[in-house]
Protein backbone atom coordinates (compact mmCIF):
# COMPACT_ATOMS: atom_id res chain seq x y z
CA MET A 1 7.60 -6.04 -141.32
CA ILE A 2 5.63 -8.37 -139.05
CA ASN A 3 5.68 -11.89 -140.43
CA LYS A 4 2.42 -12.92 -141.90
CA LYS A 5 2.25 -16.29 -140.20
CA ILE A 6 2.57 -14.73 -136.74
CA LEU A 7 0.11 -12.14 -137.42
CA LEU A 8 -2.44 -14.84 -138.73
CA PHE A 9 -1.79 -16.87 -135.56
CA PHE A 10 -2.55 -13.99 -133.38
CA ILE A 11 -5.98 -13.16 -135.05
CA ILE A 12 -6.87 -16.85 -134.82
CA SER A 13 -6.07 -17.07 -131.10
CA LEU A 14 -8.25 -13.97 -130.31
CA ILE A 15 -11.03 -15.40 -132.14
CA LEU A 16 -11.03 -18.59 -130.22
CA VAL A 17 -10.81 -16.67 -126.90
CA PHE A 18 -13.69 -14.73 -127.87
CA ILE A 19 -15.96 -17.91 -128.90
CA ASN A 20 -14.81 -19.67 -125.70
CA ALA A 21 -15.93 -16.62 -123.47
CA ASN A 22 -19.20 -16.48 -125.02
CA ILE A 23 -19.75 -20.42 -124.63
CA VAL A 24 -18.99 -20.19 -120.90
CA VAL A 25 -21.30 -16.98 -120.31
CA SER A 26 -24.07 -18.72 -122.28
CA GLN A 27 -23.85 -21.81 -120.36
CA GLU A 28 -23.85 -19.97 -117.06
CA VAL A 29 -26.85 -17.84 -117.83
CA GLY A 30 -28.77 -20.78 -119.35
CA SER A 31 -28.26 -23.04 -116.27
CA GLN A 32 -28.58 -20.11 -113.83
CA LYS A 33 -26.01 -21.76 -111.59
CA VAL A 34 -23.94 -19.40 -109.51
CA ALA A 35 -20.73 -20.61 -107.88
CA PRO A 36 -20.52 -20.29 -104.12
CA GLN A 37 -18.84 -17.23 -102.91
CA LYS A 38 -16.65 -17.03 -99.81
CA ILE A 39 -17.90 -14.26 -97.59
CA GLU A 40 -15.22 -12.51 -95.69
CA SER A 41 -17.35 -9.80 -94.24
CA ILE A 42 -20.36 -10.50 -91.77
CA PRO A 43 -23.69 -9.57 -93.21
CA GLN A 44 -25.85 -6.86 -91.77
CA LYS A 45 -27.76 -7.39 -88.79
CA ILE A 46 -31.37 -8.77 -88.58
CA GLU A 47 -33.58 -5.69 -88.80
CA PRO A 48 -36.52 -5.66 -86.28
CA VAL A 49 -40.12 -5.92 -87.50
CA GLN A 50 -41.52 -2.73 -88.90
CA GLN A 51 -42.87 -0.29 -86.22
CA LYS A 52 -45.60 1.70 -88.01
CA ILE A 53 -48.92 0.63 -89.05
CA GLU A 54 -52.16 2.24 -90.49
CA THR A 55 -55.28 1.55 -88.37
CA GLU A 56 -57.18 0.06 -91.33
CA SER A 57 -54.91 -2.96 -91.25
CA ILE A 58 -56.25 -3.95 -87.85
CA PRO A 59 -58.68 -7.01 -88.54
CA GLN A 60 -62.35 -5.65 -88.08
CA LYS A 61 -63.36 -9.15 -86.76
CA ILE A 62 -60.84 -10.92 -84.56
CA PRO A 63 -60.87 -14.71 -84.79
CA PRO A 64 -60.83 -16.88 -81.75
CA THR A 65 -57.39 -18.21 -82.32
CA ILE A 66 -55.99 -14.50 -82.29
CA LYS A 67 -58.22 -13.61 -79.28
CA GLU A 68 -56.68 -16.41 -77.50
CA ARG A 69 -53.19 -15.43 -78.29
CA VAL A 70 -53.61 -11.78 -77.62
CA SER A 71 -55.39 -12.42 -74.18
CA SER A 72 -52.84 -14.96 -73.19
CA ILE A 73 -49.90 -12.48 -73.85
CA ARG A 74 -51.67 -9.55 -72.09
CA ALA A 75 -52.61 -11.88 -69.07
CA VAL A 76 -48.87 -12.20 -68.06
CA ASP A 77 -47.19 -8.90 -67.66
CA ASP A 78 -43.56 -8.52 -67.02
CA SER A 79 -43.81 -8.39 -63.21
CA LEU A 80 -45.94 -11.69 -63.36
CA LEU A 81 -43.64 -13.39 -65.70
CA MET A 82 -40.80 -12.70 -63.29
CA GLU A 83 -42.76 -13.71 -60.34
CA ILE A 84 -43.80 -17.10 -61.91
CA GLU A 85 -40.08 -17.78 -62.73
CA LYS A 86 -39.08 -17.15 -59.19
CA LEU A 87 -41.96 -19.45 -57.64
CA ALA A 88 -40.89 -22.21 -60.00
CA LYS A 89 -37.43 -22.05 -59.08
CA ASN A 90 -38.23 -21.81 -55.39
CA LEU A 91 -40.48 -24.74 -55.71
CA THR A 92 -37.90 -27.06 -57.51
CA GLU A 93 -35.28 -26.03 -54.44
CA ALA A 94 -38.11 -26.78 -51.98
CA ASN A 95 -38.90 -30.20 -53.44
CA LEU A 96 -35.18 -31.16 -53.10
CA LYS A 97 -34.78 -29.92 -49.62
CA ALA A 98 -38.20 -31.62 -48.61
CA GLU A 99 -37.03 -35.10 -50.00
CA LYS A 100 -34.11 -34.91 -47.62
CA THR A 101 -35.86 -33.34 -44.58
CA GLY A 102 -39.44 -34.82 -44.96
CA ASN A 103 -40.92 -31.44 -44.38
CA PHE A 104 -43.16 -30.41 -47.20
CA GLU A 105 -44.80 -27.31 -45.74
CA GLU A 106 -42.89 -24.91 -47.70
CA VAL A 107 -43.61 -27.09 -50.94
CA LYS A 108 -47.44 -26.81 -50.13
CA GLU A 109 -47.09 -23.10 -49.55
CA LEU A 110 -45.38 -22.43 -52.92
CA GLU A 111 -47.95 -24.76 -54.68
CA THR A 112 -50.75 -22.82 -53.19
CA LYS A 113 -49.16 -19.62 -54.48
CA ILE A 114 -48.96 -21.09 -58.00
CA SER A 115 -52.58 -22.17 -57.77
CA GLN A 116 -53.72 -18.66 -56.99
CA LEU A 117 -51.57 -17.30 -60.06
CA GLN A 118 -53.23 -19.82 -62.24
CA LYS A 119 -56.68 -18.27 -61.14
CA GLU A 120 -55.49 -14.83 -61.72
CA ILE A 121 -54.18 -15.57 -65.14
CA LYS A 122 -57.40 -17.12 -66.13
CA GLY A 123 -59.35 -14.06 -64.86
CA LYS A 124 -57.12 -11.69 -66.83
CA LYS A 125 -57.61 -13.85 -69.97
CA ALA A 126 -61.42 -13.69 -69.69
CA GLU A 127 -61.25 -10.02 -69.07
CA TYR A 128 -59.02 -9.19 -71.95
CA GLN A 129 -61.01 -11.40 -74.55
CA LYS A 130 -64.12 -9.11 -73.70
CA GLN A 131 -62.07 -6.10 -74.15
CA ILE A 132 -60.79 -7.17 -77.54
CA GLU A 133 -64.23 -7.84 -78.96
CA THR A 134 -64.40 -4.14 -80.17
CA PRO A 135 -62.49 -3.61 -83.44
CA THR A 136 -61.30 -0.07 -82.26
CA THR A 137 -59.48 -1.71 -79.08
CA GLU A 138 -55.66 -1.60 -79.36
CA VAL A 139 -55.19 -5.55 -79.44
CA THR A 140 -51.42 -5.92 -79.90
CA PRO A 141 -49.63 -6.97 -76.78
CA SER A 142 -47.32 -4.60 -75.18
CA THR A 143 -44.28 -5.03 -77.37
CA ASN A 144 -42.73 -3.08 -80.19
CA ILE A 145 -44.26 -5.37 -82.75
CA SER A 146 -46.78 -3.57 -84.93
CA GLN A 147 -50.37 -4.77 -85.20
CA GLU A 148 -49.97 -5.65 -88.92
CA ALA A 149 -47.02 -7.51 -88.38
CA PHE A 150 -48.46 -9.46 -85.45
CA PHE A 151 -51.68 -10.59 -87.32
CA ASN A 152 -50.47 -10.80 -90.92
CA ALA A 153 -49.14 -14.05 -92.02
CA CYS A 154 -47.59 -12.85 -95.18
CA LEU A 155 -45.59 -10.08 -93.07
CA GLN A 156 -44.39 -12.79 -90.82
CA GLU A 157 -43.33 -15.01 -93.54
CA LYS A 158 -41.42 -11.90 -95.10
CA GLY A 159 -39.59 -11.45 -91.92
CA MET A 160 -38.80 -15.04 -91.63
CA LYS A 161 -37.44 -15.17 -95.15
CA GLU A 162 -35.17 -12.10 -94.35
CA LYS A 163 -33.73 -13.85 -91.34
CA LEU A 164 -33.28 -16.97 -93.45
CA ASN A 165 -31.29 -14.89 -96.07
CA TYR A 166 -28.92 -13.51 -93.26
CA TYR A 167 -28.26 -17.06 -91.86
CA GLU A 168 -27.71 -18.39 -95.28
CA LYS A 169 -25.07 -15.68 -95.92
CA ILE A 170 -23.42 -16.39 -92.57
CA MET A 171 -23.15 -20.00 -93.64
CA GLY A 172 -20.76 -18.77 -96.25
CA LEU A 173 -18.26 -17.43 -93.64
CA SER A 174 -15.02 -19.19 -92.72
CA ILE A 175 -15.14 -21.06 -89.39
CA GLU A 176 -12.99 -18.55 -87.86
CA LYS A 177 -15.51 -15.86 -88.62
CA LEU A 178 -18.35 -17.91 -87.15
CA LYS A 179 -16.41 -18.57 -83.93
CA GLU A 180 -15.71 -14.71 -83.86
CA MET A 181 -19.50 -14.37 -83.94
CA GLY A 182 -20.14 -16.74 -81.12
CA TYR A 183 -20.98 -20.10 -83.13
CA SER A 184 -19.16 -23.25 -82.09
CA SER A 185 -19.66 -24.77 -85.54
CA ARG A 186 -21.31 -24.43 -88.95
CA GLU A 187 -23.74 -27.27 -87.99
CA GLU A 188 -25.08 -24.82 -85.33
CA VAL A 189 -26.02 -22.27 -87.82
CA ALA A 190 -27.45 -25.05 -90.19
CA LYS A 191 -29.90 -26.25 -87.46
CA ILE A 192 -31.22 -22.63 -87.14
CA ILE A 193 -31.76 -22.56 -90.96
CA THR A 194 -33.51 -25.67 -90.78
CA GLU A 195 -35.92 -24.49 -88.01
CA ILE A 196 -36.54 -21.14 -89.66
CA LYS A 197 -37.66 -22.99 -92.96
CA LYS A 198 -39.82 -25.15 -90.96
CA GLU A 199 -41.57 -22.01 -89.37
CA ILE A 200 -41.78 -20.64 -92.70
CA GLU A 201 -43.67 -23.70 -94.10
CA ASN A 202 -46.08 -23.53 -90.91
CA VAL A 203 -46.77 -19.95 -91.84
CA HIS A 204 -47.14 -20.05 -95.70
CA PRO A 205 -50.66 -21.66 -95.89
CA ALA A 206 -52.04 -18.76 -93.67
CA CYS A 207 -50.47 -16.10 -96.03
CA LEU A 208 -52.44 -17.89 -98.95
CA ALA A 209 -55.65 -17.82 -97.05
CA PRO A 210 -58.41 -15.11 -97.14
CA GLY A 211 -57.47 -12.39 -94.66
CA GLN A 212 -53.77 -13.55 -94.30
CA LEU A 213 -54.28 -13.90 -90.47
CA ILE A 214 -52.00 -15.84 -88.64
CA LYS A 215 -53.42 -18.53 -86.16
CA GLU A 216 -50.38 -19.58 -84.22
CA MET A 217 -47.36 -17.67 -83.09
CA PRO A 218 -44.25 -18.38 -84.97
CA LYS A 219 -41.46 -19.44 -82.63
CA PRO A 220 -38.90 -16.78 -82.74
CA ILE A 221 -35.82 -19.12 -83.76
CA ALA A 222 -33.74 -15.97 -84.67
CA PRO A 223 -35.28 -13.09 -82.88
CA SER A 224 -34.16 -9.60 -83.94
CA ALA A 225 -35.61 -7.88 -80.79
CA PRO A 226 -36.52 -8.79 -77.10
CA ALA A 227 -40.20 -8.18 -78.05
CA GLU A 228 -40.32 -11.20 -80.28
CA ILE A 229 -39.28 -13.40 -77.38
CA SER A 230 -41.42 -11.68 -74.96
CA ALA A 231 -44.57 -12.03 -76.79
CA TYR A 232 -43.80 -15.77 -77.53
CA TYR A 233 -42.70 -16.57 -73.81
CA LYS A 234 -45.87 -14.63 -72.27
CA GLU A 235 -48.38 -16.57 -74.51
CA LYS A 236 -46.69 -19.99 -73.74
CA MET A 237 -46.35 -19.27 -69.99
CA ALA A 238 -49.98 -18.19 -69.87
CA THR A 239 -50.96 -21.49 -71.68
CA ALA A 240 -48.90 -23.70 -69.36
CA MET A 241 -50.18 -21.91 -66.18
CA VAL A 242 -53.85 -22.48 -66.94
CA LYS A 243 -53.35 -26.09 -67.74
CA GLU A 244 -55.00 -28.46 -65.38
CA ILE A 245 -52.04 -30.42 -64.36
CA ASN A 246 -50.20 -31.03 -61.13
CA ALA A 247 -47.63 -28.64 -59.89
CA ASP A 248 -44.73 -31.15 -60.75
CA GLU A 249 -45.91 -31.35 -64.46
CA LYS A 250 -46.39 -27.62 -64.37
CA ILE A 251 -42.82 -26.90 -63.24
CA GLU A 252 -41.26 -29.25 -65.72
CA GLU A 253 -43.24 -27.72 -68.53
CA LEU A 254 -42.07 -24.19 -67.45
CA LYS A 255 -38.34 -25.41 -67.11
CA ALA A 256 -38.51 -26.76 -70.63
CA LEU A 257 -40.16 -23.35 -71.82
CA ARG A 258 -37.30 -21.43 -70.07
CA GLU A 259 -34.52 -23.53 -71.72
CA GLU A 260 -36.16 -22.64 -74.93
CA ILE A 261 -36.29 -18.94 -74.13
CA ASP A 262 -32.65 -19.06 -73.20
CA ARG A 263 -31.74 -20.22 -76.45
CA MET A 264 -33.63 -17.43 -78.02
CA ILE A 265 -31.85 -14.94 -76.04
CA LYS A 266 -28.38 -16.48 -76.96
CA GLU A 267 -29.43 -16.14 -80.53
CA LEU A 268 -30.58 -12.57 -80.11
CA ILE A 269 -27.26 -11.46 -78.45
CA ARG A 270 -25.22 -13.30 -81.27
CA SER A 271 -27.13 -11.77 -84.20
CA GLN A 272 -27.53 -8.40 -82.99
CA GLU A 273 -24.84 -5.64 -82.54
CA LYS A 274 -26.95 -3.39 -79.92
CA ILE A 275 -29.43 -4.68 -77.40
CA ASN A 276 -31.50 -2.38 -75.13
CA TYR A 277 -31.25 -4.01 -71.44
CA GLU A 278 -34.55 -2.24 -70.43
CA GLU A 279 -36.35 -4.40 -73.05
CA LEU A 280 -34.62 -7.50 -72.13
CA LYS A 281 -34.53 -7.22 -68.26
CA HIS A 282 -37.75 -9.25 -67.60
CA LEU A 283 -36.32 -11.96 -69.69
CA ALA A 284 -32.79 -11.85 -68.32
CA PRO A 285 -32.53 -9.66 -65.21
CA LYS A 286 -28.89 -10.17 -64.65
CA ILE A 287 -26.18 -9.65 -67.31
CA THR A 288 -22.55 -9.93 -66.55
CA VAL A 289 -20.00 -9.04 -69.15
CA GLU A 290 -16.19 -8.97 -69.63
CA ALA A 291 -13.81 -8.93 -72.40
CA GLY A 292 -15.16 -10.92 -75.20
CA LYS A 293 -17.91 -12.60 -72.93
CA ILE A 294 -21.62 -12.09 -72.17
CA GLN A 295 -23.52 -13.98 -69.48
CA ALA A 296 -27.22 -13.54 -69.45
CA GLY A 297 -28.79 -15.75 -66.76
CA GLU A 298 -27.78 -19.26 -67.46
CA ILE A 299 -26.43 -18.61 -71.01
CA LYS A 300 -22.74 -17.87 -71.89
CA ILE A 301 -21.51 -16.30 -75.05
CA GLU A 302 -17.87 -15.75 -76.17
CA THR A 303 -17.65 -13.40 -79.11
CA GLU A 304 -14.83 -11.33 -80.73
CA LYS A 305 -17.36 -9.00 -82.25
CA THR A 306 -18.26 -5.61 -80.49
CA LYS A 307 -21.66 -5.86 -78.54
CA THR A 308 -23.39 -2.95 -77.11
CA LEU A 309 -25.89 -3.00 -74.28
CA GLU A 310 -28.15 0.24 -73.87
CA THR A 311 -28.71 0.75 -70.09
CA LYS A 312 -28.99 3.70 -67.61
CA ILE A 313 -27.17 5.21 -64.48
CA LYS A 314 -29.16 7.39 -62.36
CA GLU A 315 -31.81 7.54 -65.46
CA LYS A 316 -28.92 8.79 -67.64
CA LYS A 317 -28.55 6.64 -70.89
CA VAL A 318 -25.03 4.96 -71.02
CA ASN A 319 -23.87 2.15 -73.19
CA ILE A 320 -21.84 -0.98 -72.03
CA VAL A 321 -19.68 -1.81 -74.85
CA VAL A 322 -18.20 -5.45 -74.93
CA GLU A 323 -14.97 -5.73 -76.99
CA LYS A 324 -12.52 -8.52 -77.45
CA GLU A 325 -10.04 -7.22 -75.01
CA LYS A 326 -12.02 -4.77 -72.62
CA VAL A 327 -15.33 -3.26 -71.65
CA ILE A 328 -16.15 0.23 -72.29
CA LEU A 329 -18.74 2.29 -70.10
CA ASP A 330 -19.70 4.87 -72.89
CA ASP A 331 -21.26 8.04 -71.76
CA GLY A 332 -22.08 10.17 -74.74
CA GLY A 333 -18.85 9.58 -76.22
CA VAL A 334 -16.92 9.91 -73.07
CA LYS A 335 -15.59 6.47 -72.40
CA ALA A 336 -14.11 4.46 -69.36
CA GLU A 337 -12.34 1.23 -69.91
CA THR A 338 -11.93 -1.77 -67.82
CA ILE A 339 -10.75 -5.45 -67.93
CA LEU A 340 -12.82 -6.36 -64.76
CA PRO A 341 -16.33 -8.14 -65.00
CA VAL A 342 -19.27 -5.53 -65.10
CA LYS A 343 -22.70 -6.55 -63.93
CA ILE A 344 -26.07 -5.03 -64.85
CA GLU A 345 -29.03 -6.03 -62.65
CA GLU A 346 -32.18 -4.40 -61.45
CA GLY A 347 -31.29 -1.15 -63.29
CA LYS A 348 -27.81 -0.97 -61.61
CA ILE A 349 -24.17 -1.09 -63.01
CA SER A 350 -21.74 -2.75 -60.75
CA LEU A 351 -18.01 -3.40 -60.98
CA LYS A 352 -17.28 -6.65 -59.09
CA GLU A 353 -20.49 -6.13 -57.05
CA LYS A 354 -19.86 -2.47 -56.39
CA GLU A 355 -22.43 -0.23 -57.75
CA ILE A 356 -21.34 2.60 -60.04
CA ARG A 357 -23.26 5.67 -59.32
CA ASN A 358 -21.58 8.46 -61.29
CA THR A 359 -20.82 8.64 -64.97
CA PRO A 360 -17.43 9.41 -67.12
CA GLN A 361 -18.86 12.68 -68.16
CA GLU A 362 -19.63 13.85 -64.54
CA VAL A 363 -16.16 12.74 -63.60
CA LEU A 364 -14.58 14.82 -66.29
CA LYS A 365 -16.69 17.80 -65.35
CA LYS A 366 -15.79 17.50 -61.74
CA ILE A 367 -11.90 17.47 -62.18
CA VAL A 368 -12.05 19.89 -65.24
CA ALA A 369 -10.33 17.45 -67.57
CA THR A 370 -9.56 17.77 -71.11
CA PRO A 371 -11.76 15.91 -73.52
CA SER A 372 -8.68 13.69 -74.58
CA ALA A 373 -8.15 12.39 -71.03
CA ALA A 374 -7.95 8.52 -70.64
CA ILE A 375 -10.39 7.13 -68.17
CA SER A 376 -10.21 3.57 -66.85
CA LEU A 377 -12.44 1.99 -64.21
CA LYS A 378 -10.73 0.00 -61.73
CA GLU A 379 -11.15 -1.51 -58.29
CA GLU A 380 -8.84 0.11 -55.38
CA LYS A 381 -8.92 -0.64 -51.74
CA ASP A 382 -12.52 -2.27 -52.05
CA LYS A 383 -13.86 0.62 -54.03
CA ALA A 384 -14.87 1.10 -57.63
CA VAL A 385 -12.78 4.09 -58.83
CA TYR A 386 -12.39 6.02 -62.03
CA GLN A 387 -8.49 6.65 -62.94
CA VAL A 388 -8.31 9.61 -65.10
CA THR A 389 -4.89 10.19 -66.90
CA ASP A 390 -4.72 13.68 -68.40
CA SER A 391 -2.02 16.07 -69.86
CA LYS A 392 -2.11 19.70 -69.62
CA SER A 393 0.04 22.50 -71.34
CA LYS A 394 1.77 24.72 -68.86
CA LYS A 395 4.70 27.03 -68.84
CA LEU A 396 7.54 26.10 -66.43
CA PHE A 397 8.54 29.51 -64.45
CA GLY A 398 5.83 31.02 -66.77
CA ILE A 399 8.25 30.71 -69.65
CA PHE A 400 9.06 27.34 -70.93
CA PRO A 401 6.36 25.25 -72.40
CA VAL A 402 5.91 21.74 -70.86
CA LYS A 403 3.25 18.86 -70.60
CA VAL A 404 2.31 18.20 -67.07
CA LYS A 405 0.68 14.74 -66.62
CA ILE A 406 -2.13 14.40 -64.02
CA GLU A 407 -3.42 11.30 -62.62
CA THR A 408 -6.82 11.53 -60.61
CA THR A 409 -8.42 8.86 -58.79
CA VAL A 410 -12.35 9.35 -58.37
CA ASN A 411 -14.81 7.45 -56.35
CA ALA A 412 -17.17 5.76 -58.69
CA GLN A 413 -19.59 4.78 -56.02
CA THR A 414 -20.81 8.17 -54.84
CA GLU A 415 -23.59 10.01 -56.11
CA VAL A 416 -21.42 13.08 -56.99
CA PRO A 417 -17.94 12.20 -58.09
CA THR A 418 -15.54 12.61 -55.24
CA VAL A 419 -11.78 12.99 -55.78
CA LEU A 420 -9.73 10.63 -53.76
CA ARG A 421 -6.29 11.47 -54.85
CA GLU A 422 -4.45 13.47 -57.30
CA LYS A 423 -1.04 12.70 -58.56
CA LYS A 424 1.29 15.33 -60.28
CA PRO A 425 5.14 15.70 -60.88
CA TRP A 426 6.89 17.14 -58.12
CA TRP A 427 7.72 20.19 -60.11
CA SER A 428 4.28 21.13 -61.15
CA PHE A 429 3.89 23.70 -58.45
CA LEU A 430 6.47 25.74 -60.76
CA THR A 431 4.21 25.76 -63.70
CA PHE A 432 1.53 28.29 -64.55
C-alpha cells in the first residue's frame, strides 16, 4: 500500500507545476514577448515583384513626376547604357594619358561624343513624354516590373517590407551561415536593414495619399531581379546625362552611380539562388565564376551556397552552376564539371579564354554514351575539351560478363563535337 504522505506530496507537486506553467504562459501572452530564435536554415529567397496586372490599374492621368521617371528610363535603352559607360571609362583613361603627354585631342573628341549623347537623350525624353500623354499607352519601362507595382506606392512598400522580413531573418543566422552566403559580418546585413527601413519611410506617405502613386523611384537596396536595378540605373543615368555640368563633373557623377549599381548587383547575387544572365548582361557584361566565387565586373563575391546563372550556348539554354568546390555546366540535366574558371561574356561561354561551342548533351549523343557517364570540362594542349568517362556492359569472348571502362576526349570548341581520343582497356577488342 502506498504511503499516504508520499501520495499527498506527489499531488501537491503536480498542482504547483501546473500553476507555475500557467503563470509563465500568461506572462508571455500578456507581454507579447517572443524569445529570439536561432535560425539554422537560410530563409527563402526574395521573390520578384508580381508580374501580372489588370489594365484598369494604369493611372488614367499620369502626373508630371511619373512622366519624368518613365521618359528618363525609356530614353536610355540597354545599348545606350553600355555606350555611356564605355565613353565614361575611356574619358577617364584619356584624361590621365593627356595629363602626362599634354595632348588633349582624344579628350575633346570623347567630350564631344558625350555632348551628342546628352542631346540625344534630351530629345528621346521629350518624345516619350508626348507618347505617354494618352492613358492607353504602355508606360512602364521595358522591365519585368508590372505597371501596377511600378506606379503604386503601397505595392512598393509591401515589396520592401517582404525584403525587410527576409533580412531580419538572416540576422538570426550564425556568423558562419552569413559567411556562407557571402556576407563578411552581421553589420553588413544590419546596414541593408537600415537602408530598407529608410526607403519604406520615404514611400509610406505616398501610400496614404489619394491615388497611392509613387513620386520617386525607391532605391533597390535589396533587388530581387535585374529589372529593378536596370530601371533605377537608367533613370539616374538619364538625369545625370542631361544635367548642364561640365564633362569632368558628369564623369564623377556617373562613376559614383556605377559604384552604387555594383553594390546592388552584389546584393542581387548574394540573395538570389538563380539569375538570368540575359537580363543582367547590360549591367554586368562580363561574369567570371569558379568554385565558390563569382566576379561580375568590379565586384567579387565568395559564397558557399549554390548559385545558378541561366545563359545560352548557340541559342540553347544552359545553366552555369557555381558550387563550393566546382563549377557545373548543366545542359538539361546532363552535367559537365570543372575546377577551372568559366567566363560568360557577349553571349559566349569560355573556359580560360577558350570558347565552348557545343554542349554536354551534344557530346553524349555524338559518342553514344550512357546517361550515367561522368563528364568533366578541362584544358588540354591549349584546347577546351570534354572528358567523358563511361562504363559499358560487354561479354568477354561473348561469354563472360564484364564492364569496359571507356575514356573519350571531345573538342569543346568546335560547332559539332569532334572526338580527339578514345581510351579503352587493351583487351576490349575481345568483348562483344
